[in-house]
Amino acid sequence: MDEKFIEINGNKIRYFESGSSKKTLVLVHGLGASSERWKYVLPLLATEFHVVVPDLVGFGYSDKPLADYTIDFFSNFLEKFLLSLGIEQTSIIGSSLGGQIAAEYTSSHSHSVNKLILVSPSGIMKQSTFALDAYIMAALYPNEESARNAFETMDGSGKKIPMEIINGFVTRMKLPNAKFAFMSTLLGLKNSDLITKKLENISSPTLVIWGSDDPVIPITFANGFVSSINDCKFYEMNECGHTPYVQDPKLFASQVLKFLNN
């Protein structure tokens, strides 16, 4: 992966690029995450696509301005990010918060989104869950113990979480304004309208992927997306939690490429 930086609205934005295809694929991470969250699946997708992976403004190693981190704020950021890189047509994969951002953006830009993939997206679930509470606690009090507990809870498999994931999260959450951006985003999500109506405006072919054992946003919320998007397929990844592209990147990539190339 090539690490690069670009300036958007006066903020330095970090992103990765990989792959030489003329077909572009943009990956949008979730709350409190960064581009590194995609590192296991990115090489598999880059064999057939030019993959672009930003650190969302407010997260990772992108700048974290004092702003209201609403869904509109993130959707506008994604629009400007793509324009700044000269990306006129692309497919998008969004995970969790990134899924809601990708859906929000596509609802008004379907003409420029070839295909859309949503992975356990937020936008319909309003109440918290035990796993989400653990993740919030880890963000507010970032240390090895709280982060390990959060990621093990979100994973749900009982497998040991790699230390690079735990240490990376702790390091990022200790950066200036990281906690502010995290909590502002949570409040923005809490106060946002349900995304259901906007989903009806999506005309891009869409695939919804959900881990069967997701404890953060349970799979019961999948139907709200599948039934609201006109051209939508659904794939359940068995024995996976909130980030199936981390737990089973080969299966995830195979389903994604099958959908994108169909």
C-alpha atoms as a PDB file:
ATOM      1  CA  MET A   1       0.000   0.000   0.000  1.00  0.00           C
ATOM      2  CA  ASP A   2       1.144   3.525  -0.755  1.00  0.00           C
ATOM      3  CA  GLU A   3       0.470   5.989   2.073  1.00  0.00           C
ATOM      4  CA  LYS A   4      -0.493   9.430   0.783  1.00  0.00           C
ATOM      5  CA  PHE A   5      -1.914  12.716   2.069  1.00  0.00           C
ATOM      6  CA  ILE A   6      -4.250  15.285   0.570  1.00  0.00           C
ATOM      7  CA  GLU A   7      -5.697  18.543   1.890  1.00  0.00           C
ATOM      8  CA  ILE A   8      -9.481  18.963   2.090  1.00  0.00           C
ATOM      9  CA  ASN A   9     -11.026  22.109   3.593  1.00  0.00           C
ATOM     10  CA  GLY A  10      -7.701  22.913   5.215  1.00  0.00           C
ATOM     11  CA  ASN A  11      -7.431  19.478   6.848  1.00  0.00           C
ATOM     12  CA  LYS A  12      -4.680  16.986   6.073  1.00  0.00           C
ATOM     13  CA  ILE A  13      -6.285  13.681   5.105  1.00  0.00           C
ATOM     14  CA  ARG A  14      -4.371  10.426   5.036  1.00  0.00           C
ATOM     15  CA  TYR A  15      -5.226   7.617   2.638  1.00  0.00           C
ATOM     16  CA  PHE A  16      -3.812   4.455   1.097  1.00  0.00           C
ATOM     17  CA  GLU A  17      -3.794   3.388  -2.537  1.00  0.00           C
ATOM     18  CA  SER A  18      -3.168  -0.043  -4.003  1.00  0.00           C
ATOM     19  CA  GLY A  19      -3.765  -1.768  -7.327  1.00  0.00           C
ATOM     20  CA  SER A  20      -3.334  -0.665 -10.928  1.00  0.00           C
ATOM     21  CA  SER A  21      -6.765  -1.428 -12.387  1.00  0.00           C
ATOM     22  CA  LYS A  22      -8.785   1.255 -14.164  1.00  0.00           C
ATOM     23  CA  LYS A  23     -11.743   0.205 -11.988  1.00  0.00           C
ATOM     24  CA  THR A  24     -11.801   2.079  -8.682  1.00  0.00           C
ATOM     25  CA  LEU A  25     -13.023   0.791  -5.325  1.00  0.00           C
ATOM     26  CA  VAL A  26     -13.213   3.016  -2.237  1.00  0.00           C
ATOM     27  CA  LEU A  27     -13.270   1.483   1.264  1.00  0.00           C
ATOM     28  CA  VAL A  28     -14.820   3.500   4.116  1.00  0.00           C
ATOM     29  CA  HIS A  29     -14.043   2.413   7.683  1.00  0.00           C
ATOM     30  CA  GLY A  30     -16.235   2.625  10.781  1.00  0.00           C
ATOM     31  CA  LEU A  31     -16.363   4.579  14.024  1.00  0.00           C
ATOM     32  CA  GLY A  32     -12.995   4.988  15.735  1.00  0.00           C
ATOM     33  CA  ALA A  33     -11.207   2.968  13.058  1.00  0.00           C
ATOM     34  CA  SER A  34      -8.715   3.813  10.317  1.00  0.00           C
ATOM     35  CA  SER A  35      -7.475   2.545   6.960  1.00  0.00           C
ATOM     36  CA  GLU A  36      -5.576  -0.237   8.735  1.00  0.00           C
ATOM     37  CA  ARG A  37      -8.878  -1.985   9.502  1.00  0.00           C
ATOM     38  CA  TRP A  38      -8.959  -3.100   5.860  1.00  0.00           C
ATOM     39  CA  LYS A  39      -5.359  -4.361   5.696  1.00  0.00           C
ATOM     40  CA  TYR A  40      -6.230  -8.083   5.581  1.00  0.00           C
ATOM     41  CA  VAL A  41      -8.701  -7.825   2.710  1.00  0.00           C
ATOM     42  CA  LEU A  42      -7.168  -4.936   0.757  1.00  0.00           C
ATOM     43  CA  PRO A  43      -4.479  -7.015  -1.044  1.00  0.00           C
ATOM     44  CA  LEU A  44      -7.161  -9.443  -2.246  1.00  0.00           C
ATOM     45  CA  LEU A  45      -9.315  -6.642  -3.658  1.00  0.00           C
ATOM     46  CA  ALA A  46      -6.338  -4.817  -5.184  1.00  0.00           C
ATOM     47  CA  THR A  47      -5.705  -7.730  -7.553  1.00  0.00           C
ATOM     48  CA  GLU A  48      -8.717  -6.583  -9.603  1.00  0.00           C
ATOM     49  CA  PHE A  49      -9.347  -2.973  -8.530  1.00  0.00           C
ATOM     50  CA  HIS A  50      -7.582   0.305  -7.892  1.00  0.00           C
ATOM     51  CA  VAL A  51      -8.373   0.497  -4.169  1.00  0.00           C
ATOM     52  CA  VAL A  52      -8.458   3.817  -2.299  1.00  0.00           C
ATOM     53  CA  VAL A  53      -8.801   3.779   1.491  1.00  0.00           C
ATOM     54  CA  PRO A  54      -9.111   7.083   3.386  1.00  0.00           C
ATOM     55  CA  ASP A  55      -8.825   7.773   7.069  1.00  0.00           C
ATOM     56  CA  LEU A  56     -12.089   9.653   7.549  1.00  0.00           C
ATOM     57  CA  VAL A  57     -11.704  13.215   8.764  1.00  0.00           C
ATOM     58  CA  GLY A  58     -11.602  12.992  12.561  1.00  0.00           C
ATOM     59  CA  PHE A  59     -10.178   9.479  12.636  1.00  0.00           C
ATOM     60  CA  GLY A  60      -6.965   7.568  12.099  1.00  0.00           C
ATOM     61  CA  TYR A  61      -4.117   9.873  11.150  1.00  0.00           C
ATOM     62  CA  SER A  62      -6.266  12.426   9.350  1.00  0.00           C
ATOM     63  CA  ASP A  63      -6.772  15.823  10.989  1.00  0.00           C
ATOM     64  CA  LYS A  64      -9.466  16.113  13.652  1.00  0.00           C
ATOM     65  CA  PRO A  65     -11.003  19.586  13.457  1.00  0.00           C
ATOM     66  CA  LEU A  66     -13.416  20.920  16.061  1.00  0.00           C
ATOM     67  CA  ALA A  67     -16.657  20.398  14.153  1.00  0.00           C
ATOM     68  CA  ASP A  68     -20.054  18.750  14.381  1.00  0.00           C
ATOM     69  CA  TYR A  69     -19.399  15.218  13.159  1.00  0.00           C
ATOM     70  CA  THR A  70     -22.792  14.548  11.609  1.00  0.00           C
ATOM     71  CA  ILE A  71     -23.606  12.126   8.807  1.00  0.00           C
ATOM     72  CA  ASP A  72     -23.988  15.108   6.452  1.00  0.00           C
ATOM     73  CA  PHE A  73     -20.516  16.266   7.500  1.00  0.00           C
ATOM     74  CA  PHE A  74     -19.030  12.866   6.600  1.00  0.00           C
ATOM     75  CA  SER A  75     -21.019  12.541   3.365  1.00  0.00           C
ATOM     76  CA  ASN A  76     -19.787  15.972   2.245  1.00  0.00           C
ATOM     77  CA  PHE A  77     -16.256  14.951   3.180  1.00  0.00           C
ATOM     78  CA  LEU A  78     -16.514  11.807   1.040  1.00  0.00           C
ATOM     79  CA  GLU A  79     -17.775  13.866  -1.896  1.00  0.00           C
ATOM     80  CA  LYS A  80     -14.873  16.309  -1.641  1.00  0.00           C
ATOM     81  CA  PHE A  81     -12.360  13.511  -1.126  1.00  0.00           C
ATOM     82  CA  LEU A  82     -13.430  11.799  -4.357  1.00  0.00           C
ATOM     83  CA  LEU A  83     -13.472  15.096  -6.262  1.00  0.00           C
ATOM     84  CA  SER A  84      -9.991  15.983  -4.990  1.00  0.00           C
ATOM     85  CA  LEU A  85      -8.621  12.685  -6.303  1.00  0.00           C
ATOM     86  CA  GLY A  86     -10.454  13.059  -9.609  1.00  0.00           C
ATOM     87  CA  ILE A  87     -12.559   9.937  -9.007  1.00  0.00           C
ATOM     88  CA  GLU A  88     -15.707  10.361 -11.100  1.00  0.00           C
ATOM     89  CA  GLN A  89     -16.921   6.736 -11.052  1.00  0.00           C
ATOM     90  CA  THR A  90     -16.305   4.211  -8.322  1.00  0.00           C
ATOM     91  CA  SER A  91     -17.736   1.363  -6.331  1.00  0.00           C
ATOM     92  CA  ILE A  92     -17.829   1.821  -2.549  1.00  0.00           C
ATOM     93  CA  ILE A  93     -17.634  -0.522   0.435  1.00  0.00           C
ATOM     94  CA  GLY A  94     -18.647   0.975   3.767  1.00  0.00           C
ATOM     95  CA  SER A  95     -18.447  -0.747   7.147  1.00  0.00           C
ATOM     96  CA  SER A  96     -20.626   0.170  10.153  1.00  0.00           C
ATOM     97  CA  LEU A  97     -20.511   3.996  10.346  1.00  0.00           C
ATOM     98  CA  GLY A  98     -18.753   3.873   6.974  1.00  0.00           C
ATOM     99  CA  GLY A  99     -21.723   1.948   5.602  1.00  0.00           C
ATOM    100  CA  GLN A 100     -24.126   4.662   6.690  1.00  0.00           C
ATOM    101  CA  ILE A 101     -21.858   7.325   5.197  1.00  0.00           C
ATOM    102  CA  ALA A 102     -21.577   5.381   1.921  1.00  0.00           C
ATOM    103  CA  ALA A 103     -25.356   4.879   1.772  1.00  0.00           C
ATOM    104  CA  GLU A 104     -26.001   8.552   2.529  1.00  0.00           C
ATOM    105  CA  TYR A 105     -23.557   9.618  -0.193  1.00  0.00           C
ATOM    106  CA  THR A 106     -24.947   7.145  -2.739  1.00  0.00           C
ATOM    107  CA  SER A 107     -28.540   8.211  -2.078  1.00  0.00           C
ATOM    108  CA  SER A 108     -27.738  11.505  -3.811  1.00  0.00           C
ATOM    109  CA  HIS A 109     -24.863  10.341  -6.061  1.00  0.00           C
ATOM    110  CA  SER A 110     -26.053   7.024  -7.499  1.00  0.00           C
ATOM    111  CA  HIS A 111     -24.991   8.234 -10.947  1.00  0.00           C
ATOM    112  CA  SER A 112     -21.340   8.112  -9.848  1.00  0.00           C
ATOM    113  CA  VAL A 113     -21.471   4.943  -7.722  1.00  0.00           C
ATOM    114  CA  ASN A 114     -21.225   1.830  -9.870  1.00  0.00           C
ATOM    115  CA  LYS A 115     -21.980  -0.596  -7.042  1.00  0.00           C
ATOM    116  CA  LEU A 116     -22.431  -0.243  -3.298  1.00  0.00           C
ATOM    117  CA  ILE A 117     -21.521  -2.740  -0.565  1.00  0.00           C
ATOM    118  CA  LEU A 118     -22.698  -2.162   3.006  1.00  0.00           C
ATOM    119  CA  VAL A 119     -21.121  -4.184   5.820  1.00  0.00           C
ATOM    120  CA  SER A 120     -23.167  -4.212   9.047  1.00  0.00           C
ATOM    121  CA  PRO A 121     -24.098  -0.555   8.475  1.00  0.00           C
ATOM    122  CA  SER A 122     -25.367   1.831  11.114  1.00  0.00           C
ATOM    123  CA  GLY A 123     -28.312   4.096  10.408  1.00  0.00           C
ATOM    124  CA  ILE A 124     -31.311   2.129  11.634  1.00  0.00           C
ATOM    125  CA  MET A 125     -30.307   0.852  15.087  1.00  0.00           C
ATOM    126  CA  LYS A 126     -30.759   3.614  17.656  1.00  0.00           C
ATOM    127  CA  GLN A 127     -30.240   1.818  20.963  1.00  0.00           C
ATOM    128  CA  SER A 128     -26.840   0.771  22.241  1.00  0.00           C
ATOM    129  CA  THR A 129     -25.604  -2.789  22.731  1.00  0.00           C
ATOM    130  CA  PHE A 130     -23.227  -4.371  25.223  1.00  0.00           C
ATOM    131  CA  ALA A 131     -20.493  -4.613  22.573  1.00  0.00           C
ATOM    132  CA  LEU A 132     -20.931  -0.996  21.494  1.00  0.00           C
ATOM    133  CA  ASP A 133     -20.765   0.109  25.138  1.00  0.00           C
ATOM    134  CA  ALA A 134     -17.481  -1.789  25.533  1.00  0.00           C
ATOM    135  CA  TYR A 135     -16.115  -0.079  22.424  1.00  0.00           C
ATOM    136  CA  ILE A 136     -17.140   3.376  23.673  1.00  0.00           C
ATOM    137  CA  MET A 137     -15.442   2.664  27.004  1.00  0.00           C
ATOM    138  CA  ALA A 138     -12.244   1.662  25.185  1.00  0.00           C
ATOM    139  CA  ALA A 139     -12.332   4.887  23.168  1.00  0.00           C
ATOM    140  CA  LEU A 140     -12.792   7.065  26.240  1.00  0.00           C
ATOM    141  CA  TYR A 141     -10.234   5.168  28.335  1.00  0.00           C
ATOM    142  CA  PRO A 142      -7.791   3.804  25.764  1.00  0.00           C
ATOM    143  CA  ASN A 143      -5.517   1.173  27.261  1.00  0.00           C
ATOM    144  CA  GLU A 144      -4.572  -2.387  26.394  1.00  0.00           C
ATOM    145  CA  GLU A 145      -7.120  -3.986  28.721  1.00  0.00           C
ATOM    146  CA  SER A 146     -10.144  -1.948  27.610  1.00  0.00           C
ATOM    147  CA  ALA A 147      -9.252  -2.256  23.922  1.00  0.00           C
ATOM    148  CA  ARG A 148      -8.730  -6.020  24.122  1.00  0.00           C
ATOM    149  CA  ASN A 149     -12.062  -6.435  25.895  1.00  0.00           C
ATOM    150  CA  ALA A 150     -13.839  -4.331  23.263  1.00  0.00           C
ATOM    151  CA  PHE A 151     -12.355  -6.067  20.241  1.00  0.00           C
ATOM    152  CA  GLU A 152     -12.852  -9.545  21.684  1.00  0.00           C
ATOM    153  CA  THR A 153     -16.478  -8.676  22.396  1.00  0.00           C
ATOM    154  CA  MET A 154     -17.044  -7.298  18.888  1.00  0.00           C
ATOM    155  CA  ASP A 155     -15.299 -10.287  17.301  1.00  0.00           C
ATOM    156  CA  GLY A 156     -17.360 -12.827  19.214  1.00  0.00           C
ATOM    157  CA  SER A 157     -15.289 -15.803  18.040  1.00  0.00           C
ATOM    158  CA  GLY A 158     -13.226 -16.311  21.177  1.00  0.00           C
ATOM    159  CA  LYS A 159     -10.032 -16.052  19.130  1.00  0.00           C
ATOM    160  CA  LYS A 160      -7.093 -13.958  20.286  1.00  0.00           C
ATOM    161  CA  ILE A 161      -7.035 -10.448  18.849  1.00  0.00           C
ATOM    162  CA  PRO A 162      -3.702  -9.467  17.240  1.00  0.00           C
ATOM    163  CA  MET A 163      -1.779  -6.975  19.345  1.00  0.00           C
ATOM    164  CA  GLU A 164      -1.281  -4.708  16.329  1.00  0.00           C
ATOM    165  CA  ILE A 165      -5.051  -4.103  16.250  1.00  0.00           C
ATOM    166  CA  ILE A 166      -5.217  -3.391  19.982  1.00  0.00           C
ATOM    167  CA  ASN A 167      -2.116  -1.179  20.103  1.00  0.00           C
ATOM    168  CA  GLY A 168      -3.097   0.675  16.936  1.00  0.00           C
ATOM    169  CA  PHE A 169      -6.497   1.575  18.364  1.00  0.00           C
ATOM    170  CA  VAL A 170      -5.021   2.732  21.687  1.00  0.00           C
ATOM    171  CA  THR A 171      -2.407   4.869  19.926  1.00  0.00           C
ATOM    172  CA  ARG A 172      -4.958   6.542  17.636  1.00  0.00           C
ATOM    173  CA  MET A 173      -7.428   7.260  20.435  1.00  0.00           C
ATOM    174  CA  LYS A 174      -4.705   9.079  22.370  1.00  0.00           C
ATOM    175  CA  LEU A 175      -4.108  11.527  19.508  1.00  0.00           C
ATOM    176  CA  PRO A 176      -5.262  15.145  20.005  1.00  0.00           C
ATOM    177  CA  ASN A 177      -9.027  15.592  19.519  1.00  0.00           C
ATOM    178  CA  ALA A 178      -9.555  11.864  18.859  1.00  0.00           C
ATOM    179  CA  LYS A 179     -11.970  11.436  21.750  1.00  0.00           C
ATOM    180  CA  PHE A 180     -13.816  14.602  20.775  1.00  0.00           C
ATOM    181  CA  ALA A 181     -14.316  13.383  17.199  1.00  0.00           C
ATOM    182  CA  PHE A 182     -15.434   9.956  18.464  1.00  0.00           C
ATOM    183  CA  MET A 183     -18.035  11.341  20.884  1.00  0.00           C
ATOM    184  CA  SER A 184     -19.225  14.039  18.480  1.00  0.00           C
ATOM    185  CA  THR A 185     -19.820  11.313  15.890  1.00  0.00           C
ATOM    186  CA  LEU A 186     -21.783   9.237  18.410  1.00  0.00           C
ATOM    187  CA  LEU A 187     -23.997  12.221  19.212  1.00  0.00           C
ATOM    188  CA  GLY A 188     -24.410  12.932  15.507  1.00  0.00           C
ATOM    189  CA  LEU A 189     -25.574   9.360  14.939  1.00  0.00           C
ATOM    190  CA  LYS A 190     -27.940   9.492  17.902  1.00  0.00           C
ATOM    191  CA  ASN A 191     -29.571  12.699  16.670  1.00  0.00           C
ATOM    192  CA  SER A 192     -29.745  11.741  12.986  1.00  0.00           C
ATOM    193  CA  ASP A 193     -32.931  10.624  11.274  1.00  0.00           C
ATOM    194  CA  LEU A 194     -33.347   6.983  10.351  1.00  0.00           C
ATOM    195  CA  ILE A 195     -31.706   6.386   6.989  1.00  0.00           C
ATOM    196  CA  THR A 196     -34.600   4.248   5.703  1.00  0.00           C
ATOM    197  CA  LYS A 197     -36.199   6.929   3.501  1.00  0.00           C
ATOM    198  CA  LYS A 198     -32.903   7.867   1.868  1.00  0.00           C
ATOM    199  CA  LEU A 199     -32.202   4.215   1.086  1.00  0.00           C
ATOM    200  CA  GLU A 200     -35.142   4.318  -1.319  1.00  0.00           C
ATOM    201  CA  ASN A 201     -33.204   6.831  -3.442  1.00  0.00           C
ATOM    202  CA  ILE A 202     -30.305   4.433  -4.045  1.00  0.00           C
ATOM    203  CA  SER A 203     -30.376   3.091  -7.599  1.00  0.00           C
ATOM    204  CA  SER A 204     -26.876   1.593  -7.609  1.00  0.00           C
ATOM    205  CA  PRO A 205     -26.840  -2.225  -7.349  1.00  0.00           C
ATOM    206  CA  THR A 206     -26.181  -2.974  -3.684  1.00  0.00           C
ATOM    207  CA  LEU A 207     -24.907  -5.889  -1.627  1.00  0.00           C
ATOM    208  CA  VAL A 208     -25.464  -6.012   2.138  1.00  0.00           C
ATOM    209  CA  ILE A 209     -23.057  -8.252   4.079  1.00  0.00           C
ATOM    210  CA  TRP A 210     -23.597  -9.040   7.748  1.00  0.00           C
ATOM    211  CA  GLY A 211     -21.840 -11.240  10.274  1.00  0.00           C
ATOM    212  CA  SER A 212     -24.313 -13.751  11.683  1.00  0.00           C
ATOM    213  CA  ASP A 213     -22.983 -13.219  15.215  1.00  0.00           C
ATOM    214  CA  ASP A 214     -22.564  -9.431  15.111  1.00  0.00           C
ATOM    215  CA  PRO A 215     -22.960  -8.180  18.714  1.00  0.00           C
ATOM    216  CA  VAL A 216     -22.475  -4.487  17.845  1.00  0.00           C
ATOM    217  CA  ILE A 217     -25.263  -4.055  15.286  1.00  0.00           C
ATOM    218  CA  PRO A 218     -27.211  -7.345  15.315  1.00  0.00           C
ATOM    219  CA  ILE A 219     -28.131  -8.983  12.022  1.00  0.00           C
ATOM    220  CA  THR A 220     -31.830  -8.392  12.779  1.00  0.00           C
ATOM    221  CA  PHE A 221     -31.311  -4.865  11.413  1.00  0.00           C
ATOM    222  CA  ALA A 222     -30.260  -6.163   7.999  1.00  0.00           C
ATOM    223  CA  ASN A 223     -33.818  -6.434   6.703  1.00  0.00           C
ATOM    224  CA  GLY A 224     -34.338  -2.696   7.090  1.00  0.00           C
ATOM    225  CA  PHE A 225     -31.607  -2.096   4.504  1.00  0.00           C
ATOM    226  CA  VAL A 226     -32.388  -4.981   2.169  1.00  0.00           C
ATOM    227  CA  SER A 227     -36.104  -4.166   1.981  1.00  0.00           C
ATOM    228  CA  SER A 228     -35.562  -0.420   1.456  1.00  0.00           C
ATOM    229  CA  ILE A 229     -32.976  -0.521  -1.363  1.00  0.00           C
ATOM    230  CA  ASN A 230     -34.481  -1.357  -4.748  1.00  0.00           C
ATOM    231  CA  ASP A 231     -31.714  -3.482  -6.267  1.00  0.00           C
ATOM    232  CA  CYS A 232     -30.235  -5.199  -3.223  1.00  0.00           C
ATOM    233  CA  LYS A 233     -28.707  -8.587  -2.485  1.00  0.00           C
ATOM    234  CA  PHE A 234     -27.869 -10.005   0.936  1.00  0.00           C
ATOM    235  CA  TYR A 235     -25.084 -12.277   2.132  1.00  0.00           C
ATOM    236  CA  GLU A 236     -24.745 -13.588   5.677  1.00  0.00           C
ATOM    237  CA  MET A 237     -21.242 -14.491   6.823  1.00  0.00           C
ATOM    238  CA  ASN A 238     -21.571 -17.319   9.310  1.00  0.00           C
ATOM    239  CA  GLU A 239     -19.581 -17.345  12.543  1.00  0.00           C
ATOM    240  CA  CYS A 240     -18.492 -13.742  12.040  1.00  0.00           C
ATOM    241  CA  GLY A 241     -18.994 -10.684  14.206  1.00  0.00           C
ATOM    242  CA  HIS A 242     -18.991  -6.992  13.339  1.00  0.00           C
ATOM    243  CA  THR A 243     -16.027  -6.996  10.937  1.00  0.00           C
ATOM    244  CA  PRO A 244     -16.221 -10.115   8.725  1.00  0.00           C
ATOM    245  CA  TYR A 245     -13.549  -8.687   6.401  1.00  0.00           C
ATOM    246  CA  VAL A 246     -11.120  -8.996   9.332  1.00  0.00           C
ATOM    247  CA  GLN A 247     -12.284 -12.408  10.535  1.00  0.00           C
ATOM    248  CA  ASP A 248     -12.565 -14.123   7.146  1.00  0.00           C
ATOM    249  CA  PRO A 249     -10.977 -11.863   4.510  1.00  0.00           C
ATOM    250  CA  LYS A 250     -10.792 -14.567   1.815  1.00  0.00           C
ATOM    251  CA  LEU A 251     -14.497 -15.380   1.947  1.00  0.00           C
ATOM    252  CA  PHE A 252     -15.357 -11.702   2.201  1.00  0.00           C
ATOM    253  CA  ALA A 253     -13.209 -10.816  -0.815  1.00  0.00           C
ATOM    254  CA  SER A 254     -14.620 -13.677  -2.874  1.00  0.00           C
ATOM    255  CA  GLN A 255     -18.200 -12.502  -2.294  1.00  0.00           C
ATOM    256  CA  VAL A 256     -17.303  -8.869  -2.959  1.00  0.00           C
ATOM    257  CA  LEU A 257     -15.456  -9.616  -6.212  1.00  0.00           C
ATOM    258  CA  LYS A 258     -18.219 -11.939  -7.352  1.00  0.00           C
ATOM    259  CA  PHE A 259     -20.745  -9.128  -6.864  1.00  0.00           C
ATOM    260  CA  LEU A 260     -18.596  -6.369  -8.350  1.00  0.00           C
ATOM    261  CA  ASN A 261     -17.619  -8.359 -11.430  1.00  0.00           C
ATOM    262  CA  ASN A 262     -21.068  -9.774 -12.161  1.00  0.00           C
END
